């Protein structure tokens, strides 16, 4: 049965296509951080529009990665395992599943901090005992999905252990205005570090939602993860600007408004509503406000504006002075958000 697009749908499809075209231009490194979500966005755009050019590009990068060899170094902790699984489920190519299992073994090889979170770069001086909130959207959703695909509960337990370790390490649990937010990172000997960074909280939000969507019904991890997700949503609602965006250091309104948390929130919350992980009556207003603000920042060239550059852990001034540009960690979530809006 064919679907007839209305004029508004055609406009949204054209916008989605422009964003995808711009996303294709990024100089992919296989793998730089944020590239996995860009590939995921391209795969979603192809499904939404029927334009296979986008998924062909993403899938060619994934297949070249598998041919080159997977899990050869610790830097591959950011490799897009979930996207390998998406391609495997579509194609049935056994090499893709073998590659995903190798990535899972790499994740299991990393040392843990006191909370059970894996420290991904034990080979690098200065980073040996650090974790970063960004990894919440990379590790657990991939591992739990791998458990579902293979029928092996050990991967599901690996994934839940991972997200518990990160959430317990990084989420603010004491009372006060910052309760529920996530710190950028933690160093085992020094404690939490960095800032209460907007994009970092977007990674945490997506990771929690995607893990809950993937978890089997009745799994004993659901209760705590749901509580942590609700606490994060409460905190985000307190920090959201009247225009729908968030300040890059959320508790400080003197830092600039940045757009990636808005696209991440719009996508993650809509996904959560559709899967009954969250109730729209509780968080629909925040989602709509974020989505509206994000739409206004997608320009005619298919670029999401007000996206800050790669942001290392540091003092507040460093976060507040990162330049804006066009990056995969903005384009990918924008594609995911826009793809949700097509029938």
Protein backbone atom coordinates (compact mmCIF):
# COMPACT_ATOMS: atom_id res chain seq x y z
CA UNK A 1 0.00 0.00 0.00
CA UNK A 2 1.44 3.37 -0.98
CA UNK A 3 1.34 6.35 1.35
CA UNK A 4 0.21 9.70 0.02
CA UNK A 5 2.22 12.54 1.52
CA UNK A 6 0.47 15.78 2.40
CA UNK A 7 2.11 19.12 1.62
CA UNK A 8 3.40 19.48 5.17
CA UNK A 9 4.89 15.98 5.01
CA UNK A 10 6.59 16.86 1.71
CA UNK A 11 8.14 19.94 3.33
CA UNK A 12 9.40 17.85 6.24
CA UNK A 13 10.76 15.21 3.89
CA UNK A 14 12.64 17.86 1.91
CA UNK A 15 14.09 19.24 5.13
CA UNK A 16 15.13 15.77 6.23
CA UNK A 17 16.80 15.16 2.86
CA UNK A 18 18.77 18.41 3.14
CA UNK A 19 20.00 17.51 6.61
CA UNK A 20 21.03 14.06 5.35
CA UNK A 21 22.92 15.55 2.39
CA UNK A 22 24.90 17.75 4.75
CA UNK A 23 25.56 14.84 7.12
CA UNK A 24 27.10 12.86 4.25
CA UNK A 25 29.79 15.53 3.88
CA UNK A 26 31.42 14.94 7.27
CA UNK A 27 34.99 13.50 6.96
CA UNK A 28 34.27 10.21 8.74
CA UNK A 29 37.27 8.70 10.50
CA UNK A 30 35.96 5.26 11.53
CA UNK A 31 35.55 6.15 14.30
CA UNK A 32 35.37 9.64 15.71
CA UNK A 33 32.99 10.38 18.55
CA UNK A 34 29.51 11.27 17.33
CA UNK A 35 29.87 9.43 14.05
CA UNK A 36 27.78 6.50 15.23
CA UNK A 37 24.73 8.65 15.84
CA UNK A 38 25.22 10.29 12.43
CA UNK A 39 25.09 6.84 10.80
CA UNK A 40 22.03 6.00 12.85
CA UNK A 41 20.41 9.19 11.65
CA UNK A 42 21.22 8.36 8.03
CA UNK A 43 19.72 4.90 8.43
CA UNK A 44 16.57 6.44 9.94
CA UNK A 45 16.37 9.03 7.15
CA UNK A 46 16.52 6.26 4.52
CA UNK A 47 13.68 4.37 6.20
CA UNK A 48 11.58 7.53 6.48
CA UNK A 49 12.11 8.82 2.94
CA UNK A 50 12.88 5.69 0.93
CA UNK A 51 16.13 7.29 -0.27
CA UNK A 52 18.60 4.42 -0.02
CA UNK A 53 21.58 6.70 -0.78
CA UNK A 54 21.69 7.63 2.89
CA UNK A 55 21.64 4.10 4.26
CA UNK A 56 23.96 2.87 1.48
CA UNK A 57 26.57 5.37 2.62
CA UNK A 58 26.21 4.43 6.28
CA UNK A 59 26.20 0.72 5.58
CA UNK A 60 29.27 0.94 3.34
CA UNK A 61 31.19 2.52 6.22
CA UNK A 62 30.03 -0.22 8.57
CA UNK A 63 31.00 -2.99 6.16
CA UNK A 64 34.41 -1.43 5.54
CA UNK A 65 34.94 -1.41 9.30
CA UNK A 66 34.13 -5.12 9.53
CA UNK A 67 36.48 -5.94 6.61
CA UNK A 68 39.28 -3.92 8.21
CA UNK A 69 38.90 -5.80 11.47
CA UNK A 70 36.94 -5.00 14.63
CA UNK A 71 38.05 -4.43 18.24
CA UNK A 72 41.73 -3.98 17.49
CA UNK A 73 42.19 -1.11 19.95
CA UNK A 74 40.62 0.65 22.92
CA UNK A 75 39.70 3.64 20.78
CA UNK A 76 36.94 1.47 19.30
CA UNK A 77 34.86 1.82 22.44
CA UNK A 78 33.00 4.51 20.43
CA UNK A 79 32.40 2.21 17.44
CA UNK A 80 28.73 2.08 16.38
CA UNK A 81 27.78 -1.38 17.59
CA UNK A 82 24.04 -0.66 17.54
CA UNK A 83 24.28 0.35 13.89
CA UNK A 84 26.10 -2.91 13.08
CA UNK A 85 23.14 -4.72 14.63
CA UNK A 86 20.64 -2.66 12.61
CA UNK A 87 22.41 -3.66 9.42
CA UNK A 88 22.62 -7.27 10.57
CA UNK A 89 18.89 -7.41 11.25
CA UNK A 90 18.21 -6.04 7.76
CA UNK A 91 20.75 -8.12 5.83
CA UNK A 92 21.39 -11.24 7.91
CA UNK A 93 25.11 -11.04 7.13
CA UNK A 94 26.80 -13.21 9.78
CA UNK A 95 30.04 -11.19 9.75
CA UNK A 96 28.15 -8.22 11.18
CA UNK A 97 26.98 -10.21 14.20
CA UNK A 98 30.45 -11.64 14.72
CA UNK A 99 31.81 -8.08 14.68
CA UNK A 100 29.21 -6.94 17.22
CA UNK A 101 30.20 -9.75 19.57
CA UNK A 102 33.86 -8.74 19.26
CA UNK A 103 32.93 -5.21 20.26
CA UNK A 104 31.02 -6.55 23.26
CA UNK A 105 34.12 -8.52 24.29
CA UNK A 106 36.20 -5.34 24.00
CA UNK A 107 33.79 -3.53 26.30
CA UNK A 108 33.98 -6.37 28.82
CA UNK A 109 37.77 -6.14 28.86
CA UNK A 110 37.91 -2.59 30.26
CA UNK A 111 38.61 -2.09 33.98
CA UNK A 112 35.76 -0.89 36.22
CA UNK A 113 35.60 2.06 38.57
CA UNK A 114 34.19 1.74 42.08
CA UNK A 115 30.62 1.98 40.76
CA UNK A 116 31.11 -0.66 38.08
CA UNK A 117 31.43 1.72 35.12
CA UNK A 118 33.99 0.68 32.51
CA UNK A 119 36.96 3.01 32.04
CA UNK A 120 37.59 2.90 28.31
CA UNK A 121 41.11 4.25 27.94
CA UNK A 122 43.35 2.51 30.46
CA UNK A 123 46.14 2.82 27.88
CA UNK A 124 46.28 6.63 27.97
CA UNK A 125 48.03 8.56 30.75
CA UNK A 126 45.62 11.06 32.27
CA UNK A 127 42.56 9.15 31.03
CA UNK A 128 43.22 5.76 32.60
CA UNK A 129 40.69 6.19 35.39
CA UNK A 130 38.14 8.46 33.69
CA UNK A 131 34.62 7.91 32.42
CA UNK A 132 32.50 10.24 30.28
CA UNK A 133 28.73 10.65 30.21
CA UNK A 134 28.75 10.51 26.40
CA UNK A 135 29.28 6.75 26.61
CA UNK A 136 25.83 6.19 28.13
CA UNK A 137 24.31 6.32 24.66
CA UNK A 138 26.96 4.05 23.13
CA UNK A 139 27.48 1.13 25.49
CA UNK A 140 24.34 -0.09 27.24
CA UNK A 141 21.81 0.31 24.38
CA UNK A 142 24.14 -1.68 22.10
CA UNK A 143 24.84 -4.44 24.62
CA UNK A 144 21.19 -4.93 25.64
CA UNK A 145 20.15 -4.98 21.99
CA UNK A 146 22.85 -7.56 21.27
CA UNK A 147 21.38 -9.71 24.02
CA UNK A 148 17.95 -9.47 22.40
CA UNK A 149 19.28 -10.26 18.93
CA UNK A 150 21.30 -13.29 20.09
CA UNK A 151 18.99 -14.49 22.84
CA UNK A 152 21.96 -14.35 25.22
CA UNK A 153 21.01 -12.78 28.54
CA UNK A 154 24.68 -12.31 29.45
CA UNK A 155 24.86 -9.36 27.04
CA UNK A 156 21.74 -7.85 28.62
CA UNK A 157 23.31 -8.11 32.06
CA UNK A 158 26.54 -6.62 30.72
CA UNK A 159 24.59 -3.67 29.39
CA UNK A 160 22.58 -3.05 32.55
CA UNK A 161 25.71 -3.28 34.68
CA UNK A 162 27.31 -0.70 32.42
CA UNK A 163 24.50 1.84 32.55
CA UNK A 164 24.09 1.43 36.30
CA UNK A 165 27.80 2.09 36.72
CA UNK A 166 27.62 5.29 34.73
CA UNK A 167 24.39 6.55 36.25
CA UNK A 168 25.53 5.88 39.81
CA UNK A 169 28.87 7.55 39.08
CA UNK A 170 27.55 10.68 37.40
CA UNK A 171 23.98 11.57 38.38
CA UNK A 172 23.44 14.19 41.08
CA UNK A 173 21.45 12.43 43.79
CA UNK A 174 21.43 14.98 46.61
CA UNK A 175 18.68 17.55 47.02
CA UNK A 176 18.81 20.95 45.38
CA UNK A 177 18.28 22.50 41.99
CA UNK A 178 20.81 20.21 40.29
CA UNK A 179 19.34 16.94 41.51
CA UNK A 180 18.86 14.53 38.62
CA UNK A 181 21.40 16.12 36.28
CA UNK A 182 24.55 14.32 35.12
CA UNK A 183 28.15 15.44 35.45
CA UNK A 184 30.30 15.30 32.32
CA UNK A 185 32.75 12.84 33.84
CA UNK A 186 34.36 11.16 36.82
CA UNK A 187 37.97 10.43 37.65
CA UNK A 188 38.43 7.56 40.06
CA UNK A 189 40.87 9.36 42.35
CA UNK A 190 39.33 12.85 42.15
CA UNK A 191 35.58 12.25 41.88
CA UNK A 192 33.10 13.93 39.56
CA UNK A 193 34.62 16.43 37.15
CA UNK A 194 33.69 18.76 34.35
CA UNK A 195 30.36 20.56 34.34
CA UNK A 196 26.62 19.87 34.25
CA UNK A 197 26.87 20.00 30.48
CA UNK A 198 23.78 20.19 28.30
CA UNK A 199 24.89 17.81 25.53
CA UNK A 200 26.18 15.35 28.12
CA UNK A 201 22.72 15.23 29.66
CA UNK A 202 21.35 14.58 26.18
CA UNK A 203 23.60 11.52 25.86
CA UNK A 204 22.42 10.36 29.29
CA UNK A 205 18.76 10.89 28.35
CA UNK A 206 19.03 8.95 25.12
CA UNK A 207 21.01 6.16 26.76
CA UNK A 208 18.48 5.69 29.53
CA UNK A 209 15.49 5.78 27.16
CA UNK A 210 17.06 3.43 24.62
CA UNK A 211 18.16 0.96 27.28
CA UNK A 212 14.67 0.89 28.81
CA UNK A 213 13.11 0.38 25.38
CA UNK A 214 15.41 -2.60 24.76
CA UNK A 215 15.11 -4.20 28.21
CA UNK A 216 12.81 -7.24 28.46
CA UNK A 217 9.53 -6.62 30.26
CA UNK A 218 9.82 -7.32 33.96
CA UNK A 219 13.60 -7.03 34.07
CA UNK A 220 14.71 -6.06 37.57
CA UNK A 221 16.78 -3.13 36.25
CA UNK A 222 13.71 -1.29 35.02
CA UNK A 223 12.66 0.25 38.33
CA UNK A 224 15.91 2.05 39.14
CA UNK A 225 16.54 3.12 35.55
CA UNK A 226 12.99 4.51 35.34
CA UNK A 227 13.50 6.46 38.55
CA UNK A 228 16.77 7.90 37.26
CA UNK A 229 15.13 8.83 33.97
CA UNK A 230 12.26 10.59 35.76
CA UNK A 231 14.74 12.51 37.94
CA UNK A 232 16.65 13.62 34.84
CA UNK A 233 13.45 14.75 33.13
CA UNK A 234 12.46 16.75 36.21
CA UNK A 235 15.86 18.44 36.20
CA UNK A 236 15.73 19.19 32.48
CA UNK A 237 12.29 20.74 32.84
CA UNK A 238 13.64 23.07 35.56
CA UNK A 239 16.58 24.14 33.37
CA UNK A 240 14.84 24.55 30.01
CA UNK A 241 14.87 28.10 28.66
CA UNK A 242 11.55 29.70 27.78
CA UNK A 243 12.43 29.33 24.09
CA UNK A 244 12.90 25.56 24.37
CA UNK A 245 16.71 25.32 24.44
CA UNK A 246 19.18 24.79 27.27
CA UNK A 247 22.30 26.71 28.32
CA UNK A 248 25.47 24.76 27.58
CA UNK A 249 26.29 24.73 31.31
CA UNK A 250 22.72 24.28 32.43
CA UNK A 251 22.76 25.85 35.90
CA UNK A 252 24.43 28.98 34.55
CA UNK A 253 22.11 31.16 32.41
CA UNK A 254 25.08 33.34 31.47
CA UNK A 255 26.48 30.56 29.27
CA UNK A 256 25.14 30.46 25.72
CA UNK A 257 22.09 28.53 24.53
CA UNK A 258 23.08 25.40 22.60
CA UNK A 259 20.94 23.15 20.40
CA UNK A 260 22.03 19.52 20.71
CA UNK A 261 20.18 18.79 23.93
CA UNK A 262 16.99 20.08 22.28
CA UNK A 263 17.17 17.67 19.32
CA UNK A 264 18.21 14.82 21.61
CA UNK A 265 15.34 15.56 23.99
CA UNK A 266 12.77 15.81 21.20
CA UNK A 267 13.87 12.49 19.72
CA UNK A 268 14.33 10.60 22.99
CA UNK A 269 11.08 11.73 24.59
CA UNK A 270 8.99 11.00 21.50
CA UNK A 271 10.58 7.52 21.40
CA UNK A 272 9.84 7.10 25.11
CA UNK A 273 6.18 8.10 24.64
CA UNK A 274 5.70 5.71 21.74
CA UNK A 275 7.19 2.80 23.70
CA UNK A 276 5.41 3.66 26.99
CA UNK A 277 8.72 4.26 28.79
CA UNK A 278 7.42 7.74 29.71
CA UNK A 279 3.96 9.30 29.67
CA UNK A 280 3.36 12.11 27.22
CA UNK A 281 1.03 13.83 29.67
CA UNK A 282 4.02 14.28 32.01
CA UNK A 283 6.69 15.44 29.55
CA UNK A 284 4.88 16.34 26.33
CA UNK A 285 5.23 20.07 26.93
CA UNK A 286 9.00 19.85 27.30
CA UNK A 287 9.27 17.67 24.20
CA UNK A 288 7.16 20.00 22.06
CA UNK A 289 9.06 23.07 23.21
CA UNK A 290 12.42 21.44 22.45
CA UNK A 291 11.22 20.21 19.05
CA UNK A 292 9.89 23.64 18.08
CA UNK A 293 13.15 25.32 19.09
CA UNK A 294 15.21 22.77 17.18
CA UNK A 295 13.14 23.19 14.01
CA UNK A 296 13.92 26.89 13.98
CA UNK A 297 17.65 26.13 14.03
CA UNK A 298 17.71 23.80 11.00
CA UNK A 299 18.73 26.17 8.22
CA UNK A 300 18.15 25.94 4.47
CA UNK A 301 21.50 24.19 3.95
CA UNK A 302 20.43 21.31 6.16
CA UNK A 303 22.65 22.38 9.06
CA UNK A 304 21.63 22.34 12.69
CA UNK A 305 22.84 25.66 14.06
CA UNK A 306 24.19 26.49 17.54
CA UNK A 307 26.01 23.16 17.90
CA UNK A 308 29.15 23.48 20.02
CA UNK A 309 32.46 21.94 19.04
CA UNK A 310 33.89 18.82 20.72
CA UNK A 311 34.03 19.61 24.43
CA UNK A 312 36.65 18.09 26.71
CA UNK A 313 36.23 18.05 30.46
CA UNK A 314 37.38 21.33 31.97
CA UNK A 315 36.44 24.53 33.70
CA UNK A 316 33.16 26.34 32.99
CA UNK A 317 34.86 28.97 30.83
CA UNK A 318 36.01 26.30 28.39
CA UNK A 319 32.44 25.03 27.87
CA UNK A 320 31.14 28.55 27.48
CA UNK A 321 33.63 29.48 24.75
CA UNK A 322 33.50 26.46 22.44
CA UNK A 323 32.78 27.64 18.86
CA UNK A 324 29.69 26.61 16.94
CA UNK A 325 29.87 24.49 13.80
CA UNK A 326 28.32 21.61 11.85
CA UNK A 327 29.10 18.31 13.58
CA UNK A 328 27.78 14.72 13.49
CA UNK A 329 26.63 14.93 17.13
CA UNK A 330 24.19 17.62 16.01
CA UNK A 331 23.28 16.32 12.56
CA UNK A 332 22.60 12.75 13.70
CA UNK A 333 20.07 13.61 16.41
CA UNK A 334 18.47 16.15 14.06
CA UNK A 335 17.97 13.40 11.48
CA UNK A 336 16.45 11.10 14.11
CA UNK A 337 14.11 13.85 15.29
CA UNK A 338 12.98 14.78 11.79
CA UNK A 339 12.53 11.15 10.70
CA UNK A 340 10.00 10.70 13.52
CA UNK A 341 7.77 13.30 11.89
CA UNK A 342 7.15 11.46 8.62
CA UNK A 343 4.34 8.89 8.32
